[in-house]
Amino acid sequence: QVQLVESGGGLVQPGGSLRLSCAASGFTFRQYVMGWYRQAPGKERELVAVIGSPDSTNYANSVKGRFTISRDNAKNTVYLQMNNLKPDDTAVYYCNARSIYTARDYWGQGTQVTVSS
């Protein structure tokens, strides 16, 4: 059974930091590109960052220089370190796994990030 379990969301003041984690199980983690997406109220889901295996990365322009994606293949976990958070970063953040060999694509349940004073 495939599972992607996000954690680490919460309420933070502008300029603060959060670290999201996504623990994966039920598939061969190293054979998947892992990504973080977000969806704000009334907006479409958008890419935040992705990381391949090995560790090639790509970021949305809006988060470059503030967010860092990383993965630990031994722990089947992907992380998103978010620094200098802004109110526009408020959204539900979703973990995604996309196979590098097939069309398989999995999503987590999401974790809420709220940036507000």
Protein backbone atom coordinates (compact mmCIF):
# COMPACT_ATOMS: atom_id res chain seq x y z
CA GLN A 1 0.00 0.00 0.00
CA VAL A 2 1.46 3.32 -1.12
CA GLN A 3 1.60 6.05 1.49
CA LEU A 4 2.95 9.58 1.46
CA VAL A 5 2.62 11.18 4.88
CA GLU A 6 3.43 14.88 5.19
CA SER A 7 4.26 16.60 8.44
CA GLY A 8 5.75 19.85 9.70
CA GLY A 9 3.13 22.36 8.64
CA GLY A 10 1.73 25.01 10.93
CA LEU A 11 1.37 28.69 11.66
CA VAL A 12 4.45 30.89 11.36
CA GLN A 13 5.10 34.61 11.29
CA PRO A 14 6.43 36.32 8.17
CA GLY A 15 10.18 35.83 7.96
CA GLY A 16 10.01 32.57 9.88
CA SER A 17 10.96 29.06 8.87
CA LEU A 18 9.35 25.65 8.66
CA ARG A 19 10.60 22.24 7.59
CA LEU A 20 8.16 19.90 5.90
CA SER A 21 8.77 16.16 5.76
CA CYS A 22 7.16 13.51 3.60
CA ALA A 23 7.62 9.88 4.63
CA ALA A 24 7.06 7.45 1.78
CA SER A 25 6.27 3.74 1.82
CA GLY A 26 4.91 1.07 -0.49
CA PHE A 27 7.09 1.79 -3.52
CA THR A 28 10.77 1.91 -4.51
CA PHE A 29 11.57 5.42 -3.35
CA ARG A 30 14.84 5.87 -5.26
CA GLN A 31 13.03 5.21 -8.56
CA TYR A 32 10.76 8.21 -8.11
CA VAL A 33 11.11 11.94 -8.65
CA MET A 34 9.83 13.57 -5.47
CA GLY A 35 8.14 16.93 -5.40
CA TRP A 36 6.32 19.47 -3.30
CA TYR A 37 3.29 21.26 -4.66
CA ARG A 38 0.99 23.77 -3.01
CA GLN A 39 -2.55 25.00 -3.43
CA ALA A 40 -3.82 28.25 -1.98
CA PRO A 41 -7.56 28.96 -1.59
CA GLY A 42 -9.13 29.78 -4.94
CA LYS A 43 -5.96 28.95 -6.87
CA GLU A 44 -4.71 25.98 -8.86
CA ARG A 45 -2.16 23.57 -7.46
CA GLU A 46 1.34 24.67 -8.41
CA LEU A 47 4.81 23.19 -8.37
CA VAL A 48 7.07 24.36 -5.54
CA ALA A 49 10.12 22.13 -5.96
CA VAL A 50 11.16 18.75 -7.30
CA ILE A 51 14.16 16.53 -6.74
CA GLY A 52 15.32 13.66 -8.88
CA SER A 53 17.33 10.61 -7.97
CA PRO A 54 20.20 11.44 -7.86
CA ASP A 55 19.66 14.91 -6.50
CA SER A 56 18.89 17.22 -9.40
CA THR A 57 16.53 19.95 -8.26
CA ASN A 58 14.13 22.47 -9.76
CA TYR A 59 12.26 25.30 -8.03
CA ALA A 60 9.43 27.67 -8.74
CA ASN A 61 10.78 31.18 -9.28
CA SER A 62 8.76 32.45 -6.33
CA VAL A 63 10.66 30.25 -3.85
CA LYS A 64 14.19 30.22 -5.30
CA GLY A 65 16.73 31.23 -2.69
CA ARG A 66 14.28 30.69 0.17
CA PHE A 67 13.24 27.01 -0.07
CA THR A 68 15.45 23.93 -0.29
CA ILE A 69 14.28 20.47 -1.24
CA SER A 70 16.26 17.41 -0.22
CA ARG A 71 15.80 13.67 0.03
CA ASP A 72 17.14 10.81 2.12
CA ASN A 73 16.82 7.58 0.14
CA ALA A 74 17.83 5.52 3.18
CA LYS A 75 14.86 6.91 5.12
CA ASN A 76 12.45 7.13 2.16
CA THR A 77 11.83 10.74 3.07
CA VAL A 78 11.79 14.04 1.21
CA TYR A 79 12.10 17.40 2.94
CA LEU A 80 11.28 21.00 2.16
CA GLN A 81 13.15 23.59 4.20
CA MET A 82 11.28 26.89 3.94
CA ASN A 83 13.00 30.07 5.09
CA ASN A 84 11.97 33.72 5.01
CA LEU A 85 8.35 32.73 4.66
CA LYS A 86 5.88 35.22 3.24
CA PRO A 87 2.08 35.48 3.53
CA ASP A 88 1.87 34.45 -0.15
CA ASP A 89 3.38 31.09 0.84
CA THR A 90 0.18 30.26 2.73
CA ALA A 91 -1.26 27.10 1.19
CA VAL A 92 -1.80 23.41 1.61
CA TYR A 93 1.47 21.71 0.69
CA TYR A 94 1.33 18.32 -0.99
CA CYS A 95 4.01 15.70 -1.45
CA ASN A 96 4.18 13.99 -4.84
CA ALA A 97 5.99 10.93 -6.11
CA ARG A 98 6.37 10.34 -9.85
CA SER A 99 7.96 7.20 -11.26
CA ILE A 100 10.93 7.71 -13.57
CA TYR A 101 9.98 4.53 -15.47
CA THR A 102 6.18 4.38 -15.59
CA ALA A 103 3.14 6.66 -15.41
CA ARG A 104 2.67 5.98 -11.68
CA ASP A 105 1.98 9.14 -9.72
CA TYR A 106 1.12 9.40 -6.02
CA TRP A 107 -0.02 12.22 -3.73
CA GLY A 108 -0.02 12.81 -0.01
CA GLN A 109 -2.95 14.19 1.93
CA GLY A 110 -1.42 17.65 2.36
CA THR A 111 -0.26 19.76 5.25
CA GLN A 112 -1.39 23.32 5.94
CA VAL A 113 1.16 26.13 6.05
CA THR A 114 -0.09 29.51 7.23
CA VAL A 115 2.15 32.57 7.25
CA SER A 116 0.59 35.36 9.23
CA SER A 117 1.39 37.88 11.93
